[in-house]
């Protein structure tokens, strides 16, 4: 299940890592997920500016607008086989010059990928 589904079903607390042992206040979690969903809205005009996000995060009195369903959702991608963690995609190989080279595999949703390299 993804964040949007948890948001719409009212089960956002299930997103919290169990290792936190219930130390995350439910209201704070709802606020953070709401802001996150606002930041990934389809139209850039519907997304908050960074200064607005800063105000939302630092204020307890700002009322947040309800987000609409984001256009890009992971389960919408054909052939998606799951998320992975780490700085580089699976199949990255070290070339000895301390720069891993990602395996040449297309993105599952045909969106281009940007490789981030250190300076």
PDB file of N, CA and C in Angstrom:
ATOM      1  N   UNK A   1       0.860  -1.173   0.000  1.00  0.00           N
ATOM      2  CA  UNK A   1       0.000   0.000   0.000  1.00  0.00           C
ATOM      3  C   UNK A   1       0.903   1.231   0.000  1.00  0.00           C
ATOM      4  N   UNK A   2       0.499   2.263  -0.657  1.00  0.00           N
ATOM      5  CA  UNK A   2       1.321   3.455  -0.765  1.00  0.00           C
ATOM      6  C   UNK A   2       0.775   4.606   0.072  1.00  0.00           C
ATOM      7  N   UNK A   3       1.511   5.691   0.122  1.00  0.00           N
ATOM      8  CA  UNK A   3       1.155   6.832   0.966  1.00  0.00           C
ATOM      9  C   UNK A   3      -0.229   7.368   0.626  1.00  0.00           C
ATOM     10  N   UNK A   4      -0.540   7.513  -0.645  1.00  0.00           N
ATOM     11  CA  UNK A   4      -1.843   8.069  -1.020  1.00  0.00           C
ATOM     12  C   UNK A   4      -2.980   7.196  -0.494  1.00  0.00           C
ATOM     13  N   UNK A   5      -2.829   5.890  -0.614  1.00  0.00           N
ATOM     14  CA  UNK A   5      -3.874   4.986  -0.126  1.00  0.00           C
ATOM     15  C   UNK A   5      -4.016   5.086   1.392  1.00  0.00           C
ATOM     16  N   UNK A   6      -2.897   5.179   2.092  1.00  0.00           N
ATOM     17  CA  UNK A   6      -2.964   5.359   3.547  1.00  0.00           C
ATOM     18  C   UNK A   6      -3.638   6.685   3.888  1.00  0.00           C
ATOM     19  N   UNK A   7      -3.350   7.717   3.100  1.00  0.00           N
ATOM     20  CA  UNK A   7      -3.952   9.034   3.339  1.00  0.00           C
ATOM     21  C   UNK A   7      -5.467   8.962   3.179  1.00  0.00           C
ATOM     22  N   UNK A   8      -5.924   8.360   2.088  1.00  0.00           N
ATOM     23  CA  UNK A   8      -7.361   8.322   1.806  1.00  0.00           C
ATOM     24  C   UNK A   8      -8.122   7.378   2.733  1.00  0.00           C
ATOM     25  N   UNK A   9      -7.447   6.353   3.237  1.00  0.00           N
ATOM     26  CA  UNK A   9      -8.132   5.418   4.137  1.00  0.00           C
ATOM     27  C   UNK A   9      -7.964   5.792   5.607  1.00  0.00           C
ATOM     28  N   UNK A  10      -7.195   6.837   5.873  1.00  0.00           N
ATOM     29  CA  UNK A  10      -7.013   7.286   7.249  1.00  0.00           C
ATOM     30  C   UNK A  10      -6.098   6.406   8.078  1.00  0.00           C
ATOM     31  N   UNK A  11      -5.172   5.723   7.412  1.00  0.00           N
ATOM     32  CA  UNK A  11      -4.263   4.821   8.126  1.00  0.00           C
ATOM     33  C   UNK A  11      -2.809   5.284   8.018  1.00  0.00           C
ATOM     34  N   UNK A  12      -2.597   6.590   8.057  1.00  0.00           N
ATOM     35  CA  UNK A  12      -1.254   7.155   7.910  1.00  0.00           C
ATOM     36  C   UNK A  12      -0.301   6.634   8.982  1.00  0.00           C
ATOM     37  N   UNK A  13      -0.810   6.334  10.164  1.00  0.00           N
ATOM     38  CA  UNK A  13       0.060   5.855  11.242  1.00  0.00           C
ATOM     39  C   UNK A  13       0.762   4.554  10.882  1.00  0.00           C
ATOM     40  N   UNK A  14       0.237   3.809   9.908  1.00  0.00           N
ATOM     41  CA  UNK A  14       0.879   2.569   9.474  1.00  0.00           C
ATOM     42  C   UNK A  14       2.168   2.831   8.701  1.00  0.00           C
ATOM     43  N   UNK A  15       2.397   4.082   8.303  1.00  0.00           N
ATOM     44  CA  UNK A  15       3.618   4.440   7.589  1.00  0.00           C
ATOM     45  C   UNK A  15       4.807   4.606   8.532  1.00  0.00           C
ATOM     46  N   UNK A  16       4.532   4.764   9.819  1.00  0.00           N
ATOM     47  CA  UNK A  16       5.587   5.000  10.799  1.00  0.00           C
ATOM     48  C   UNK A  16       6.385   3.720  11.018  1.00  0.00           C
ATOM     49  N   UNK A  17       7.691   3.858  11.011  1.00  0.00           N
ATOM     50  CA  UNK A  17       8.578   2.725  11.260  1.00  0.00           C
ATOM     51  C   UNK A  17       8.311   2.173  12.656  1.00  0.00           C
ATOM     52  N   UNK A  18       8.035   0.867  12.767  1.00  0.00           N
ATOM     53  CA  UNK A  18       7.740   0.276  14.077  1.00  0.00           C
ATOM     54  C   UNK A  18       8.878   0.436  15.088  1.00  0.00           C
ATOM     55  N   UNK A  19      10.104   0.612  14.609  1.00  0.00           N
ATOM     56  CA  UNK A  19      11.232   0.759  15.532  1.00  0.00           C
ATOM     57  C   UNK A  19      11.156   2.060  16.325  1.00  0.00           C
ATOM     58  N   UNK A  20      10.302   2.990  15.899  1.00  0.00           N
ATOM     59  CA  UNK A  20      10.119   4.227  16.659  1.00  0.00           C
ATOM     60  C   UNK A  20       9.298   3.979  17.916  1.00  0.00           C
ATOM     61  N   UNK A  21       8.659   2.839  17.994  1.00  0.00           N
ATOM     62  CA  UNK A  21       7.931   2.453  19.199  1.00  0.00           C
ATOM     63  C   UNK A  21       6.801   3.385  19.571  1.00  0.00           C
ATOM     64  N   UNK A  22       6.091   3.915  18.587  1.00  0.00           N
ATOM     65  CA  UNK A  22       4.954   4.779  18.867  1.00  0.00           C
ATOM     66  C   UNK A  22       5.327   6.157  19.379  1.00  0.00           C
ATOM     67  N   UNK A  23       6.575   6.572  19.168  1.00  0.00           N
ATOM     68  CA  UNK A  23       7.019   7.880  19.652  1.00  0.00           C
ATOM     69  C   UNK A  23       6.681   9.014  18.698  1.00  0.00           C
ATOM     70  N   UNK A  24       6.038   8.720  17.588  1.00  0.00           N
ATOM     71  CA  UNK A  24       5.688   9.755  16.621  1.00  0.00           C
ATOM     72  C   UNK A  24       4.238  10.182  16.846  1.00  0.00           C
ATOM     73  N   UNK A  25       4.021  11.442  17.209  1.00  0.00           N
ATOM     74  CA  UNK A  25       2.644  11.903  17.424  1.00  0.00           C
ATOM     75  C   UNK A  25       1.825  11.798  16.133  1.00  0.00           C
ATOM     76  N   UNK A  26       0.623  11.241  16.242  1.00  0.00           N
ATOM     77  CA  UNK A  26      -0.229  11.039  15.072  1.00  0.00           C
ATOM     78  C   UNK A  26      -0.527  12.315  14.314  1.00  0.00           C
ATOM     79  N   UNK A  27      -0.804  13.407  15.035  1.00  0.00           N
ATOM     80  CA  UNK A  27      -1.101  14.678  14.379  1.00  0.00           C
ATOM     81  C   UNK A  27       0.074  15.201  13.583  1.00  0.00           C
ATOM     82  N   UNK A  28       1.268  15.022  14.115  1.00  0.00           N
ATOM     83  CA  UNK A  28       2.476  15.462  13.411  1.00  0.00           C
ATOM     84  C   UNK A  28       2.673  14.631  12.150  1.00  0.00           C
ATOM     85  N   UNK A  29       2.429  13.328  12.239  1.00  0.00           N
ATOM     86  CA  UNK A  29       2.573  12.458  11.078  1.00  0.00           C
ATOM     87  C   UNK A  29       1.583  12.863   9.985  1.00  0.00           C
ATOM     88  N   UNK A  30       0.335  13.120  10.354  1.00  0.00           N
ATOM     89  CA  UNK A  30      -0.662  13.565   9.375  1.00  0.00           C
ATOM     90  C   UNK A  30      -0.211  14.850   8.691  1.00  0.00           C
ATOM     91  N   UNK A  31       0.315  15.775   9.467  1.00  0.00           N
ATOM     92  CA  UNK A  31       0.778  17.054   8.930  1.00  0.00           C
ATOM     93  C   UNK A  31       1.915  16.841   7.926  1.00  0.00           C
ATOM     94  N   UNK A  32       2.887  16.008   8.279  1.00  0.00           N
ATOM     95  CA  UNK A  32       4.025  15.763   7.395  1.00  0.00           C
ATOM     96  C   UNK A  32       3.605  15.070   6.103  1.00  0.00           C
ATOM     97  N   UNK A  33       2.721  14.098   6.205  1.00  0.00           N
ATOM     98  CA  UNK A  33       2.239  13.408   5.005  1.00  0.00           C
ATOM     99  C   UNK A  33       1.430  14.367   4.142  1.00  0.00           C
ATOM    100  N   UNK A  34       0.593  15.195   4.758  1.00  0.00           N
ATOM    101  CA  UNK A  34      -0.191  16.181   4.021  1.00  0.00           C
ATOM    102  C   UNK A  34       0.733  17.110   3.241  1.00  0.00           C
ATOM    103  N   UNK A  35       1.753  17.643   3.897  1.00  0.00           N
ATOM    104  CA  UNK A  35       2.699  18.545   3.229  1.00  0.00           C
ATOM    105  C   UNK A  35       3.431  17.814   2.112  1.00  0.00           C
ATOM    106  N   UNK A  36       3.857  16.589   2.372  1.00  0.00           N
ATOM    107  CA  UNK A  36       4.534  15.803   1.343  1.00  0.00           C
ATOM    108  C   UNK A  36       3.664  15.579   0.121  1.00  0.00           C
ATOM    109  N   UNK A  37       2.400  15.262   0.339  1.00  0.00           N
ATOM    110  CA  UNK A  37       1.486  15.055  -0.791  1.00  0.00           C
ATOM    111  C   UNK A  37       1.224  16.356  -1.546  1.00  0.00           C
ATOM    112  N   UNK A  38       1.187  17.471  -0.830  1.00  0.00           N
ATOM    113  CA  UNK A  38       1.022  18.761  -1.511  1.00  0.00           C
ATOM    114  C   UNK A  38       2.224  19.054  -2.413  1.00  0.00           C
ATOM    115  N   UNK A  39       3.397  18.619  -2.002  1.00  0.00           N
ATOM    116  CA  UNK A  39       4.626  18.887  -2.761  1.00  0.00           C
ATOM    117  C   UNK A  39       4.744  18.061  -4.036  1.00  0.00           C
ATOM    118  N   UNK A  40       3.926  17.024  -4.203  1.00  0.00           N
ATOM    119  CA  UNK A  40       4.005  16.186  -5.404  1.00  0.00           C
ATOM    120  C   UNK A  40       2.738  16.275  -6.249  1.00  0.00           C
ATOM    121  N   UNK A  41       2.025  17.376  -6.142  1.00  0.00           N
ATOM    122  CA  UNK A  41       0.826  17.560  -6.949  1.00  0.00           C
ATOM    123  C   UNK A  41       1.204  17.660  -8.424  1.00  0.00           C
ATOM    124  N   UNK A  42       0.282  17.290  -9.289  1.00  0.00           N
ATOM    125  CA  UNK A  42       0.537  17.256 -10.725  1.00  0.00           C
ATOM    126  C   UNK A  42       0.926  18.625 -11.265  1.00  0.00           C
ATOM    127  N   UNK A  43       0.154  19.618 -10.965  1.00  0.00           N
ATOM    128  CA  UNK A  43       0.405  20.962 -11.484  1.00  0.00           C
ATOM    129  C   UNK A  43       1.351  21.713 -10.555  1.00  0.00           C
ATOM    130  N   UNK A  44       2.431  22.259 -11.093  1.00  0.00           N
ATOM    131  CA  UNK A  44       3.336  23.046 -10.253  1.00  0.00           C
ATOM    132  C   UNK A  44       2.626  24.193  -9.532  1.00  0.00           C
ATOM    133  N   UNK A  45       1.571  24.716 -10.124  1.00  0.00           N
ATOM    134  CA  UNK A  45       0.822  25.804  -9.489  1.00  0.00           C
ATOM    135  C   UNK A  45       0.121  25.334  -8.217  1.00  0.00           C
ATOM    136  N   UNK A  46      -0.147  24.035  -8.120  1.00  0.00           N
ATOM    137  CA  UNK A  46      -0.811  23.477  -6.938  1.00  0.00           C
ATOM    138  C   UNK A  46       0.169  23.108  -5.830  1.00  0.00           C
ATOM    139  N   UNK A  47       1.469  23.141  -6.146  1.00  0.00           N
ATOM    140  CA  UNK A  47       2.484  22.777  -5.160  1.00  0.00           C
ATOM    141  C   UNK A  47       2.875  24.004  -4.337  1.00  0.00           C
ATOM    142  N   UNK A  48       3.126  23.822  -3.050  1.00  0.00           N
ATOM    143  CA  UNK A  48       3.557  24.963  -2.235  1.00  0.00           C
ATOM    144  C   UNK A  48       5.002  25.348  -2.553  1.00  0.00           C
ATOM    145  N   UNK A  49       5.317  26.620  -2.372  1.00  0.00           N
ATOM    146  CA  UNK A  49       6.699  27.071  -2.518  1.00  0.00           C
ATOM    147  C   UNK A  49       7.496  26.584  -1.312  1.00  0.00           C
ATOM    148  N   UNK A  50       8.801  26.628  -1.410  1.00  0.00           N
ATOM    149  CA  UNK A  50       9.629  26.197  -0.281  1.00  0.00           C
ATOM    150  C   UNK A  50       9.401  27.077   0.938  1.00  0.00           C
ATOM    151  N   UNK A  51       9.184  28.371   0.714  1.00  0.00           N
ATOM    152  CA  UNK A  51       8.923  29.241   1.864  1.00  0.00           C
ATOM    153  C   UNK A  51       7.584  28.884   2.513  1.00  0.00           C
ATOM    154  N   UNK A  52       6.598  28.505   1.702  1.00  0.00           N
ATOM    155  CA  UNK A  52       5.306  28.082   2.252  1.00  0.00           C
ATOM    156  C   UNK A  52       5.457  26.769   3.024  1.00  0.00           C
ATOM    157  N   UNK A  53       6.280  25.858   2.513  1.00  0.00           N
ATOM    158  CA  UNK A  53       6.531  24.594   3.215  1.00  0.00           C
ATOM    159  C   UNK A  53       7.198  24.880   4.556  1.00  0.00           C
ATOM    160  N   UNK A  54       8.138  25.809   4.566  1.00  0.00           N
ATOM    161  CA  UNK A  54       8.813  26.177   5.810  1.00  0.00           C
ATOM    162  C   UNK A  54       7.813  26.703   6.835  1.00  0.00           C
ATOM    163  N   UNK A  55       6.889  27.551   6.388  1.00  0.00           N
ATOM    164  CA  UNK A  55       5.858  28.084   7.285  1.00  0.00           C
ATOM    165  C   UNK A  55       4.963  26.950   7.778  1.00  0.00           C
ATOM    166  N   UNK A  56       4.567  26.055   6.874  1.00  0.00           N
ATOM    167  CA  UNK A  56       3.708  24.929   7.264  1.00  0.00           C
ATOM    168  C   UNK A  56       4.380  24.056   8.319  1.00  0.00           C
ATOM    169  N   UNK A  57       5.671  23.805   8.134  1.00  0.00           N
ATOM    170  CA  UNK A  57       6.393  22.937   9.061  1.00  0.00           C
ATOM    171  C   UNK A  57       6.627  23.587  10.421  1.00  0.00           C
ATOM    172  N   UNK A  58       6.822  24.896  10.425  1.00  0.00           N
ATOM    173  CA  UNK A  58       7.178  25.560  11.680  1.00  0.00           C
ATOM    174  C   UNK A  58       5.982  26.090  12.460  1.00  0.00           C
ATOM    175  N   UNK A  59       4.809  26.118  11.842  1.00  0.00           N
ATOM    176  CA  UNK A  59       3.639  26.668  12.518  1.00  0.00           C
ATOM    177  C   UNK A  59       2.646  25.567  12.879  1.00  0.00           C
ATOM    178  N   UNK A  60       2.044  25.725  14.029  1.00  0.00           N
ATOM    179  CA  UNK A  60       1.012  24.760  14.422  1.00  0.00           C
ATOM    180  C   UNK A  60      -0.386  25.309  14.163  1.00  0.00           C
ATOM    181  N   UNK A  61      -0.468  26.549  13.673  1.00  0.00           N
ATOM    182  CA  UNK A  61      -1.780  27.161  13.456  1.00  0.00           C
ATOM    183  C   UNK A  61      -2.154  27.291  11.986  1.00  0.00           C
ATOM    184  N   UNK A  62      -1.234  27.014  11.081  1.00  0.00           N
ATOM    185  CA  UNK A  62      -1.527  27.120   9.652  1.00  0.00           C
ATOM    186  C   UNK A  62      -2.439  25.971   9.248  1.00  0.00           C
ATOM    187  N   UNK A  63      -3.535  26.310   8.556  1.00  0.00           N
ATOM    188  CA  UNK A  63      -4.411  25.236   8.073  1.00  0.00           C
ATOM    189  C   UNK A  63      -3.904  24.791   6.700  1.00  0.00           C
ATOM    190  N   UNK A  64      -3.833  23.488   6.524  1.00  0.00           N
ATOM    191  CA  UNK A  64      -3.305  22.924   5.287  1.00  0.00           C
ATOM    192  C   UNK A  64      -4.437  22.547   4.352  1.00  0.00           C
ATOM    193  N   UNK A  65      -4.222  22.795   3.072  1.00  0.00           N
ATOM    194  CA  UNK A  65      -5.228  22.398   2.092  1.00  0.00           C
ATOM    195  C   UNK A  65      -5.134  20.890   1.889  1.00  0.00           C
ATOM    196  N   UNK A  66      -6.243  20.280   1.548  1.00  0.00           N
ATOM    197  CA  UNK A  66      -6.265  18.839   1.300  1.00  0.00           C
ATOM    198  C   UNK A  66      -5.633  18.558  -0.061  1.00  0.00           C
ATOM    199  N   UNK A  67      -4.723  17.599  -0.131  1.00  0.00           N
ATOM    200  CA  UNK A  67      -4.092  17.284  -1.415  1.00  0.00           C
ATOM    201  C   UNK A  67      -5.022  16.472  -2.306  1.00  0.00           C
ATOM    202  N   UNK A  68      -4.793  16.576  -3.605  1.00  0.00           N
ATOM    203  CA  UNK A  68      -5.490  15.684  -4.532  1.00  0.00           C
ATOM    204  C   UNK A  68      -4.533  14.541  -4.867  1.00  0.00           C
ATOM    205  N   UNK A  69      -5.049  13.507  -5.497  1.00  0.00           N
ATOM    206  CA  UNK A  69      -4.230  12.327  -5.790  1.00  0.00           C
ATOM    207  C   UNK A  69      -3.072  12.726  -6.701  1.00  0.00           C
ATOM    208  N   UNK A  70      -1.855  12.372  -6.308  1.00  0.00           N
ATOM    209  CA  UNK A  70      -0.704  12.678  -7.166  1.00  0.00           C
ATOM    210  C   UNK A  70      -0.812  11.919  -8.482  1.00  0.00           C
ATOM    211  N   UNK A  71      -0.310  12.515  -9.545  1.00  0.00           N
ATOM    212  CA  UNK A  71      -0.349  11.867 -10.847  1.00  0.00           C
ATOM    213  C   UNK A  71       0.550  10.647 -10.876  1.00  0.00           C
ATOM    214  N   UNK A  72       1.731  10.768 -10.297  1.00  0.00           N
ATOM    215  CA  UNK A  72       2.684   9.668 -10.300  1.00  0.00           C
ATOM    216  C   UNK A  72       2.538   8.862  -9.023  1.00  0.00           C
ATOM    217  N   UNK A  73       2.103   7.635  -9.171  1.00  0.00           N
ATOM    218  CA  UNK A  73       2.023   6.719  -8.036  1.00  0.00           C
ATOM    219  C   UNK A  73       2.747   5.447  -8.430  1.00  0.00           C
ATOM    220  N   UNK A  74       3.538   4.895  -7.530  1.00  0.00           N
ATOM    221  CA  UNK A  74       4.377   3.742  -7.826  1.00  0.00           C
ATOM    222  C   UNK A  74       3.586   2.570  -8.383  1.00  0.00           C
ATOM    223  N   UNK A  75       2.400   2.292  -7.845  1.00  0.00           N
ATOM    224  CA  UNK A  75       1.670   1.120  -8.330  1.00  0.00           C
ATOM    225  C   UNK A  75       1.066   1.333  -9.709  1.00  0.00           C
ATOM    226  N   UNK A  76       1.178   2.554 -10.259  1.00  0.00           N
ATOM    227  CA  UNK A  76       0.697   2.812 -11.610  1.00  0.00           C
ATOM    228  C   UNK A  76       1.700   2.354 -12.665  1.00  0.00           C
ATOM    229  N   UNK A  77       2.937   2.055 -12.258  1.00  0.00           N
ATOM    230  CA  UNK A  77       3.981   1.708 -13.211  1.00  0.00           C
ATOM    231  C   UNK A  77       3.898   0.236 -13.566  1.00  0.00           C
ATOM    232  N   UNK A  78       3.865  -0.048 -14.863  1.00  0.00           N
ATOM    233  CA  UNK A  78       3.867  -1.438 -15.303  1.00  0.00           C
ATOM    234  C   UNK A  78       5.231  -2.049 -15.049  1.00  0.00           C
ATOM    235  N   UNK A  79       5.245  -3.253 -14.571  1.00  0.00           N
ATOM    236  CA  UNK A  79       6.500  -3.964 -14.378  1.00  0.00           C
ATOM    237  C   UNK A  79       7.289  -3.522 -13.171  1.00  0.00           C
ATOM    238  N   UNK A  80       6.692  -2.729 -12.302  1.00  0.00           N
ATOM    239  CA  UNK A  80       7.426  -2.284 -11.124  1.00  0.00           C
ATOM    240  C   UNK A  80       7.622  -3.467 -10.203  1.00  0.00           C
ATOM    241  N   UNK A  81       8.853  -3.692  -9.788  1.00  0.00           N
ATOM    242  CA  UNK A  81       9.123  -4.865  -8.962  1.00  0.00           C
ATOM    243  C   UNK A  81       9.483  -4.521  -7.529  1.00  0.00           C
ATOM    244  N   UNK A  82       9.307  -3.300  -7.134  1.00  0.00           N
ATOM    245  CA  UNK A  82       9.561  -2.939  -5.743  1.00  0.00           C
ATOM    246  C   UNK A  82      10.627  -1.875  -5.594  1.00  0.00           C
ATOM    247  N   UNK A  83      10.617  -1.260  -4.425  1.00  0.00           N
ATOM    248  CA  UNK A  83      11.590  -0.213  -4.142  1.00  0.00           C
ATOM    249  C   UNK A  83      12.889  -0.847  -3.675  1.00  0.00           C
ATOM    250  N   UNK A  84      13.955  -0.099  -3.780  1.00  0.00           N
ATOM    251  CA  UNK A  84      15.230  -0.539  -3.255  1.00  0.00           C
ATOM    252  C   UNK A  84      15.849   0.634  -2.526  1.00  0.00           C
ATOM    253  N   UNK A  85      16.779   0.342  -1.668  1.00  0.00           N
ATOM    254  CA  UNK A  85      17.437   1.421  -0.948  1.00  0.00           C
ATOM    255  C   UNK A  85      18.876   1.507  -1.401  1.00  0.00           C
ATOM    256  N   UNK A  86      19.488   2.611  -1.110  1.00  0.00           N
ATOM    257  CA  UNK A  86      20.875   2.819  -1.481  1.00  0.00           C
ATOM    258  C   UNK A  86      20.992   3.975  -2.444  1.00  0.00           C
ATOM    259  N   UNK A  87      22.199   4.470  -2.585  1.00  0.00           N
ATOM    260  CA  UNK A  87      22.423   5.641  -3.422  1.00  0.00           C
ATOM    261  C   UNK A  87      22.411   5.303  -4.899  1.00  0.00           C
ATOM    262  N   UNK A  88      22.644   4.040  -5.238  1.00  0.00           N
ATOM    263  CA  UNK A  88      22.709   3.671  -6.638  1.00  0.00           C
ATOM    264  C   UNK A  88      21.747   2.536  -6.917  1.00  0.00           C
ATOM    265  N   UNK A  89      21.279   2.441  -8.153  1.00  0.00           N
ATOM    266  CA  UNK A  89      20.350   1.364  -8.498  1.00  0.00           C
ATOM    267  C   UNK A  89      20.994  -0.002  -8.335  1.00  0.00           C
ATOM    268  N   UNK A  90      20.140  -1.003  -8.199  1.00  0.00           N
ATOM    269  CA  UNK A  90      20.634  -2.377  -8.172  1.00  0.00           C
ATOM    270  C   UNK A  90      21.415  -2.614  -9.452  1.00  0.00           C
ATOM    271  N   UNK A  91      22.441  -3.363  -9.363  1.00  0.00           N
ATOM    272  CA  UNK A  91      23.236  -3.645 -10.546  1.00  0.00           C
ATOM    273  C   UNK A  91      24.378  -2.663 -10.706  1.00  0.00           C
ATOM    274  N   UNK A  92      24.531  -1.715  -9.780  1.00  0.00           N
ATOM    275  CA  UNK A  92      25.654  -0.793  -9.842  1.00  0.00           C
ATOM    276  C   UNK A  92      26.932  -1.584  -9.661  1.00  0.00           C
ATOM    277  N   UNK A  93      27.938  -1.171 -10.392  1.00  0.00           N
ATOM    278  CA  UNK A  93      29.200  -1.871 -10.296  1.00  0.00           C
ATOM    279  C   UNK A  93      30.299  -0.855 -10.059  1.00  0.00           C
ATOM    280  N   UNK A  94      31.248  -1.212  -9.240  1.00  0.00           N
ATOM    281  CA  UNK A  94      32.387  -0.334  -9.010  1.00  0.00           C
ATOM    282  C   UNK A  94      33.393  -0.558 -10.121  1.00  0.00           C
ATOM    283  N   UNK A  95      33.990   0.533 -10.608  1.00  0.00           N
ATOM    284  CA  UNK A  95      34.962   0.425 -11.688  1.00  0.00           C
ATOM    285  C   UNK A  95      36.379   0.612 -11.177  1.00  0.00           C
ATOM    286  N   UNK A  96      36.549   0.731  -9.845  1.00  0.00           N
ATOM    287  CA  UNK A  96      37.869   0.923  -9.293  1.00  0.00           C
ATOM    288  C   UNK A  96      38.253   2.383  -9.164  1.00  0.00           C
ATOM    289  N   UNK A  97      37.567   3.267  -9.873  1.00  0.00           N
ATOM    290  CA  UNK A  97      37.884   4.693  -9.771  1.00  0.00           C
ATOM    291  C   UNK A  97      36.931   5.389  -8.815  1.00  0.00           C
ATOM    292  N   UNK A  98      36.337   4.646  -7.918  1.00  0.00           N
ATOM    293  CA  UNK A  98      35.407   5.112  -6.884  1.00  0.00           C
ATOM    294  C   UNK A  98      34.117   5.689  -7.436  1.00  0.00           C
ATOM    295  N   UNK A  99      33.850   5.494  -8.714  1.00  0.00           N
ATOM    296  CA  UNK A  99      32.583   5.929  -9.292  1.00  0.00           C
ATOM    297  C   UNK A  99      31.826   4.694  -9.756  1.00  0.00           C
ATOM    298  N   UNK A 100      30.754   4.325  -9.066  1.00  0.00           N
ATOM    299  CA  UNK A 100      29.985   3.169  -9.530  1.00  0.00           C
ATOM    300  C   UNK A 100      29.318   3.475 -10.863  1.00  0.00           C
ATOM    301  N   UNK A 101      29.220   2.482 -11.692  1.00  0.00           N
ATOM    302  CA  UNK A 101      28.512   2.658 -12.945  1.00  0.00           C
ATOM    303  C   UNK A 101      27.226   1.862 -12.869  1.00  0.00           C
ATOM    304  N   UNK A 102      26.113   2.543 -13.073  1.00  0.00           N
ATOM    305  CA  UNK A 102      24.815   1.884 -12.993  1.00  0.00           C
ATOM    306  C   UNK A 102      24.638   0.955 -14.180  1.00  0.00           C
ATOM    307  N   UNK A 103      24.001  -0.161 -13.935  1.00  0.00           N
ATOM    308  CA  UNK A 103      23.673  -1.071 -15.018  1.00  0.00           C
ATOM    309  C   UNK A 103      22.718  -0.364 -15.964  1.00  0.00           C
ATOM    310  N   UNK A 104      22.861  -0.621 -17.230  1.00  0.00           N
ATOM    311  CA  UNK A 104      22.028   0.054 -18.219  1.00  0.00           C
ATOM    312  C   UNK A 104      20.683  -0.647 -18.325  1.00  0.00           C
ATOM    313  N   UNK A 105      19.742  -0.207 -17.534  1.00  0.00           N
ATOM    314  CA  UNK A 105      18.391  -0.735 -17.623  1.00  0.00           C
ATOM    315  C   UNK A 105      17.440   0.449 -17.614  1.00  0.00           C
ATOM    316  N   UNK A 106      16.453   0.430 -18.480  1.00  0.00           N
ATOM    317  CA  UNK A 106      15.540   1.570 -18.548  1.00  0.00           C
ATOM    318  C   UNK A 106      14.678   1.670 -17.302  1.00  0.00           C
ATOM    319  N   UNK A 107      14.219   2.855 -17.046  1.00  0.00           N
ATOM    320  CA  UNK A 107      13.300   3.082 -15.943  1.00  0.00           C
ATOM    321  C   UNK A 107      12.003   2.343 -16.238  1.00  0.00           C
ATOM    322  N   UNK A 108      11.370   1.731 -15.236  1.00  0.00           N
ATOM    323  CA  UNK A 108      10.129   0.989 -15.480  1.00  0.00           C
ATOM    324  C   UNK A 108       9.014   1.852 -16.051  1.00  0.00           C
ATOM    325  N   UNK A 109       9.050   3.157 -15.804  1.00  0.00           N
ATOM    326  CA  UNK A 109       7.981   4.008 -16.321  1.00  0.00           C
ATOM    327  C   UNK A 109       8.448   4.868 -17.486  1.00  0.00           C
ATOM    328  N   UNK A 110       9.597   4.521 -18.074  1.00  0.00           N
ATOM    329  CA  UNK A 110      10.132   5.197 -19.248  1.00  0.00           C
ATOM    330  C   UNK A 110      10.500   6.655 -19.005  1.00  0.00           C
ATOM    331  N   UNK A 111      10.701   7.043 -17.762  1.00  0.00           N
ATOM    332  CA  UNK A 111      11.146   8.387 -17.433  1.00  0.00           C
ATOM    333  C   UNK A 111      12.658   8.350 -17.367  1.00  0.00           C
ATOM    334  N   UNK A 112      13.308   9.391 -17.844  1.00  0.00           N
ATOM    335  CA  UNK A 112      14.763   9.393 -17.805  1.00  0.00           C
ATOM    336  C   UNK A 112      15.263   9.462 -16.364  1.00  0.00           C
ATOM    337  N   UNK A 113      16.436   8.936 -16.143  1.00  0.00           N
ATOM    338  CA  UNK A 113      17.047   8.942 -14.824  1.00  0.00           C
ATOM    339  C   UNK A 113      18.253   9.868 -14.833  1.00  0.00           C
ATOM    340  N   UNK A 114      18.452  10.594 -13.760  1.00  0.00           N
ATOM    341  CA  UNK A 114      19.619  11.443 -13.618  1.00  0.00           C
ATOM    342  C   UNK A 114      20.568  10.781 -12.643  1.00  0.00           C
ATOM    343  N   UNK A 115      21.803  10.594 -13.066  1.00  0.00           N
ATOM    344  CA  UNK A 115      22.792  10.006 -12.180  1.00  0.00           C
ATOM    345  C   UNK A 115      23.488  11.129 -11.438  1.00  0.00           C
ATOM    346  N   UNK A 116      23.533  11.018 -10.132  1.00  0.00           N
ATOM    347  CA  UNK A 116      24.187  12.020  -9.310  1.00  0.00           C
ATOM    348  C   UNK A 116      25.576  11.519  -8.980  1.00  0.00           C
ATOM    349  N   UNK A 117      26.589  12.344  -9.277  1.00  0.00           N
ATOM    350  CA  UNK A 117      27.962  11.965  -9.000  1.00  0.00           C
ATOM    351  C   UNK A 117      28.592  12.990  -8.078  1.00  0.00           C
ATOM    352  N   UNK A 118      29.462  12.547  -7.187  1.00  0.00           N
ATOM    353  CA  UNK A 118      30.129  13.498  -6.302  1.00  0.00           C
ATOM    354  C   UNK A 118      31.107  14.365  -7.079  1.00  0.00           C
ATOM    355  N   UNK A 119      31.468  15.493  -6.481  1.00  0.00           N
ATOM    356  CA  UNK A 119      32.431  16.390  -7.141  1.00  0.00           C
ATOM    357  C   UNK A 119      33.803  15.800  -7.162  1.00  0.00           C
TER     358      UNK A 119
END
